[in-house]
Amino acid sequence: MSQCGNERGLTSENCRFGCLLEVMIAKTELVHAAIALADEGGLDGVSMRKLAKSLDVSPMGIYHHVNDRDDLLDEMARTITGTQAIVTAEGEGARELLVHYAFTVLGSLCSHPWLLHMVMTPGRVHQLVAPNDMQRLLDALGAAGLDADQCRDSVLGVSALAVGSASFVVESDRCRDDVVHALESALRAMTAGLTDEAPRARLAQV
């Protein structure tokens, strides 16, 4: 029996599954440790050597889970965005979902400023919330009468607005409250034509 099996009391039949589970948990721990480093010191604070030291492991052990630093950064971004939920009240429509989406993205990027830099790098981050929540938003927009192109353009427009608002908070001395008020005003104008009572209405152009 392997060392993994002895440590976990696994039989030879299920040792392989136990070893794979151990690897999966270790990778999760590694990625969250890297996120903590980035939250504290930005992307410049994330290196294989620093990460290994924080986990008390050999730097070579990190490469068991990621190919290189870029791969690690991608895993960090996916961990944040892939679990980011749009919190809404039951029964809210497409307009409300878009507004909640914008503030979900704003909060996530302000909480993890390093993620903002990755989002603003072309081709680096492709989705800002959990896949199921993004689909729920798109479904709501479709139910409100928007076609596929309008749904995509609506999400892209609100995403750009939220990312731009986050950049004001992270990159400048602008008061967060001022940015929030400005975002609220912009969202009201952008979504003025989107109501459940007017299913064929388009989003106002930015």
Protein backbone atom coordinates (compact mmCIF):
# COMPACT_ATOMS: atom_id res chain seq x y z
CA MET A 1 0.00 0.00 0.00
CA SER A 2 1.25 3.52 -0.79
CA GLN A 3 2.20 6.09 1.83
CA CYS A 4 -0.99 7.99 1.05
CA GLY A 5 -3.05 4.90 1.76
CA ASN A 6 -1.26 4.21 5.05
CA GLU A 7 -1.76 7.79 6.26
CA ARG A 8 -5.45 7.86 5.41
CA GLY A 9 -6.26 4.23 6.27
CA LEU A 10 -7.21 3.51 2.65
CA THR A 11 -7.31 0.08 1.11
CA SER A 12 -5.36 -0.73 -2.03
CA GLU A 13 -8.62 -0.52 -4.00
CA ASN A 14 -9.40 3.10 -3.07
CA CYS A 15 -5.89 4.45 -2.46
CA ARG A 16 -5.71 5.98 -5.91
CA PHE A 17 -8.90 7.96 -5.30
CA GLY A 18 -7.58 9.11 -1.92
CA CYS A 19 -4.32 10.32 -3.45
CA LEU A 20 -6.17 12.28 -6.14
CA LEU A 21 -8.39 13.89 -3.50
CA GLU A 22 -5.31 14.87 -1.53
CA VAL A 23 -3.82 16.54 -4.62
CA MET A 24 -7.06 18.42 -5.29
CA ILE A 25 -7.22 19.76 -1.73
CA ALA A 26 -3.57 20.79 -1.86
CA LYS A 27 -4.15 22.74 -5.07
CA THR A 28 -7.10 24.56 -3.53
CA GLU A 29 -4.96 25.49 -0.54
CA LEU A 30 -2.18 26.65 -2.84
CA VAL A 31 -4.45 28.91 -4.91
CA HIS A 32 -6.06 30.48 -1.85
CA ALA A 33 -2.64 31.14 -0.35
CA ALA A 34 -1.64 32.87 -3.59
CA ILE A 35 -4.81 34.98 -3.47
CA ALA A 36 -3.92 36.04 0.08
CA LEU A 37 -0.46 37.10 -1.09
CA ALA A 38 -1.95 39.11 -3.95
CA ASP A 39 -4.53 40.77 -1.69
CA GLU A 40 -1.70 41.85 0.61
CA GLY A 41 0.98 42.89 -1.88
CA GLY A 42 -0.56 42.93 -5.34
CA LEU A 43 0.53 40.75 -8.24
CA ASP A 44 4.16 41.73 -7.65
CA GLY A 45 3.88 40.04 -4.28
CA VAL A 46 3.07 36.67 -5.87
CA SER A 47 6.08 34.53 -6.69
CA MET A 48 6.64 30.80 -6.57
CA ARG A 49 9.28 31.26 -3.89
CA LYS A 50 7.08 33.45 -1.66
CA LEU A 51 4.15 31.12 -2.12
CA ALA A 52 6.24 28.08 -1.24
CA LYS A 53 7.52 29.84 1.88
CA SER A 54 4.00 30.77 3.00
CA LEU A 55 2.93 27.13 2.63
CA ASP A 56 6.19 25.71 4.04
CA VAL A 57 6.75 23.55 0.96
CA SER A 58 9.42 23.24 -1.67
CA PRO A 59 9.02 25.62 -4.67
CA MET A 60 9.15 22.57 -6.93
CA GLY A 61 6.06 21.21 -5.17
CA ILE A 62 4.02 24.11 -6.56
CA TYR A 63 4.75 23.02 -10.12
CA HIS A 64 2.90 19.79 -9.40
CA HIS A 65 -0.30 21.86 -9.66
CA VAL A 66 0.50 24.75 -12.03
CA ASN A 67 2.77 25.03 -15.04
CA ASP A 68 4.15 28.48 -14.27
CA ARG A 69 3.31 31.81 -12.64
CA ASP A 70 0.90 32.81 -15.42
CA ASP A 71 -0.97 29.55 -14.94
CA LEU A 72 -1.15 30.27 -11.21
CA LEU A 73 -2.53 33.77 -11.82
CA ASP A 74 -5.20 32.35 -14.11
CA GLU A 75 -6.18 29.83 -11.44
CA MET A 76 -6.44 32.66 -8.90
CA ALA A 77 -8.71 34.68 -11.17
CA ARG A 78 -10.90 31.68 -11.95
CA THR A 79 -11.23 30.90 -8.24
CA ILE A 80 -12.57 34.40 -7.52
CA THR A 81 -14.80 34.89 -10.55
CA GLY A 82 -15.95 31.29 -10.77
CA THR A 83 -17.52 31.45 -7.32
CA GLN A 84 -18.79 35.05 -7.45
CA ALA A 85 -22.57 34.97 -7.02
CA ILE A 86 -25.08 37.65 -8.00
CA VAL A 87 -27.11 38.09 -4.81
CA THR A 88 -30.69 39.07 -5.60
CA ALA A 89 -34.15 38.88 -4.13
CA GLU A 90 -36.59 36.31 -5.42
CA GLY A 91 -38.65 37.47 -8.38
CA GLU A 92 -36.42 40.33 -9.45
CA GLY A 93 -36.35 40.98 -13.18
CA ALA A 94 -33.68 41.60 -15.80
CA ARG A 95 -33.09 45.25 -14.88
CA GLU A 96 -32.54 44.45 -11.22
CA LEU A 97 -30.26 41.55 -12.11
CA LEU A 98 -28.11 43.81 -14.28
CA VAL A 99 -27.80 46.34 -11.46
CA HIS A 100 -26.89 43.63 -8.95
CA TYR A 101 -24.40 42.22 -11.46
CA ALA A 102 -22.68 45.60 -11.77
CA PHE A 103 -22.30 46.01 -8.02
CA THR A 104 -21.19 42.40 -7.61
CA VAL A 105 -18.38 43.03 -10.09
CA LEU A 106 -17.50 46.37 -8.46
CA GLY A 107 -17.30 44.78 -5.01
CA SER A 108 -15.19 41.86 -6.23
CA LEU A 109 -12.68 44.07 -8.02
CA CYS A 110 -12.39 46.52 -5.13
CA SER A 111 -11.85 43.63 -2.70
CA HIS A 112 -9.14 42.16 -4.96
CA PRO A 113 -7.43 45.08 -6.74
CA TRP A 114 -4.97 42.72 -8.44
CA LEU A 115 -7.92 41.11 -10.22
CA LEU A 116 -8.76 44.48 -11.77
CA HIS A 117 -5.35 44.52 -13.47
CA MET A 118 -5.97 41.04 -14.85
CA VAL A 119 -9.45 41.95 -16.08
CA MET A 120 -8.01 44.94 -17.92
CA THR A 121 -5.42 42.73 -19.65
CA PRO A 122 -6.94 41.61 -22.98
CA GLY A 123 -7.73 37.91 -23.16
CA ARG A 124 -6.92 37.23 -19.50
CA VAL A 125 -10.31 37.05 -17.73
CA HIS A 126 -13.40 36.12 -19.74
CA GLN A 127 -16.18 36.06 -17.13
CA LEU A 128 -16.67 38.05 -13.94
CA VAL A 129 -19.21 35.93 -12.05
CA ALA A 130 -20.00 32.26 -11.59
CA PRO A 131 -21.13 30.56 -14.83
CA ASN A 132 -24.55 29.63 -13.44
CA ASP A 133 -25.19 33.21 -12.37
CA MET A 134 -24.10 34.58 -15.74
CA GLN A 135 -26.51 32.18 -17.45
CA ARG A 136 -29.28 33.28 -15.10
CA LEU A 137 -28.62 36.90 -16.07
CA LEU A 138 -28.62 36.09 -19.78
CA ASP A 139 -31.82 34.06 -19.41
CA ALA A 140 -33.51 36.99 -17.66
CA LEU A 141 -32.45 39.38 -20.40
CA GLY A 142 -33.75 36.95 -23.01
CA ALA A 143 -37.05 36.62 -21.15
CA ALA A 144 -37.33 40.43 -21.21
CA GLY A 145 -37.29 40.27 -25.01
CA LEU A 146 -33.65 40.91 -25.91
CA ASP A 147 -32.09 38.80 -28.63
CA ALA A 148 -28.74 37.06 -28.22
CA ASP A 149 -26.70 40.00 -29.51
CA GLN A 150 -28.55 42.46 -27.28
CA CYS A 151 -28.03 40.21 -24.25
CA ARG A 152 -24.29 40.02 -24.94
CA ASP A 153 -24.00 43.77 -25.56
CA SER A 154 -25.95 44.54 -22.38
CA VAL A 155 -23.65 42.42 -20.24
CA LEU A 156 -20.54 43.82 -21.93
CA GLY A 157 -21.73 47.39 -21.44
CA VAL A 158 -22.55 46.94 -17.77
CA SER A 159 -19.29 45.04 -17.24
CA ALA A 160 -17.29 47.91 -18.74
CA LEU A 161 -19.14 50.37 -16.53
CA ALA A 162 -18.44 48.33 -13.39
CA VAL A 163 -14.77 47.78 -14.30
CA GLY A 164 -14.33 51.48 -15.01
CA SER A 165 -15.94 52.37 -11.68
CA ALA A 166 -13.65 49.93 -9.87
CA SER A 167 -10.62 51.51 -11.53
CA PHE A 168 -11.62 54.90 -10.10
CA VAL A 169 -11.74 53.40 -6.60
CA VAL A 170 -8.54 51.36 -6.91
CA GLU A 171 -6.36 53.62 -9.05
CA SER A 172 -7.34 57.09 -7.83
CA ASP A 173 -8.24 59.00 -4.70
CA ARG A 174 -11.92 59.16 -5.61
CA CYS A 175 -14.21 58.44 -2.68
CA ARG A 176 -15.90 55.08 -3.05
CA ASP A 177 -19.28 56.59 -2.12
CA ASP A 178 -18.95 59.11 -4.97
CA VAL A 179 -18.15 56.32 -7.41
CA VAL A 180 -21.11 54.26 -6.20
CA HIS A 181 -23.49 57.19 -6.69
CA ALA A 182 -22.11 57.81 -10.17
CA LEU A 183 -22.49 54.11 -11.03
CA GLU A 184 -26.08 54.11 -9.79
CA SER A 185 -26.90 57.10 -12.01
CA ALA A 186 -25.23 55.55 -15.04
CA LEU A 187 -27.07 52.26 -14.53
CA ARG A 188 -30.42 54.03 -14.27
CA ALA A 189 -29.78 55.71 -17.61
CA MET A 190 -28.43 52.55 -19.24
CA THR A 191 -31.33 50.32 -18.16
CA ALA A 192 -34.11 52.89 -18.48
CA GLY A 193 -35.72 51.07 -21.40
CA LEU A 194 -35.46 47.59 -19.92
CA THR A 195 -38.64 46.62 -18.07
CA ASP A 196 -40.75 43.52 -17.79
CA GLU A 197 -43.68 45.56 -19.12
CA ALA A 198 -41.79 46.47 -22.33
CA PRO A 199 -40.25 43.14 -23.38
CA ARG A 200 -38.92 44.37 -26.74
CA ALA A 201 -37.16 47.44 -25.34
CA ARG A 202 -33.44 47.80 -25.87
CA LEU A 203 -30.93 48.99 -23.32
CA ALA A 204 -30.11 52.66 -23.71
CA GLN A 205 -26.81 53.13 -25.51
CA VAL A 206 -23.89 54.35 -23.40
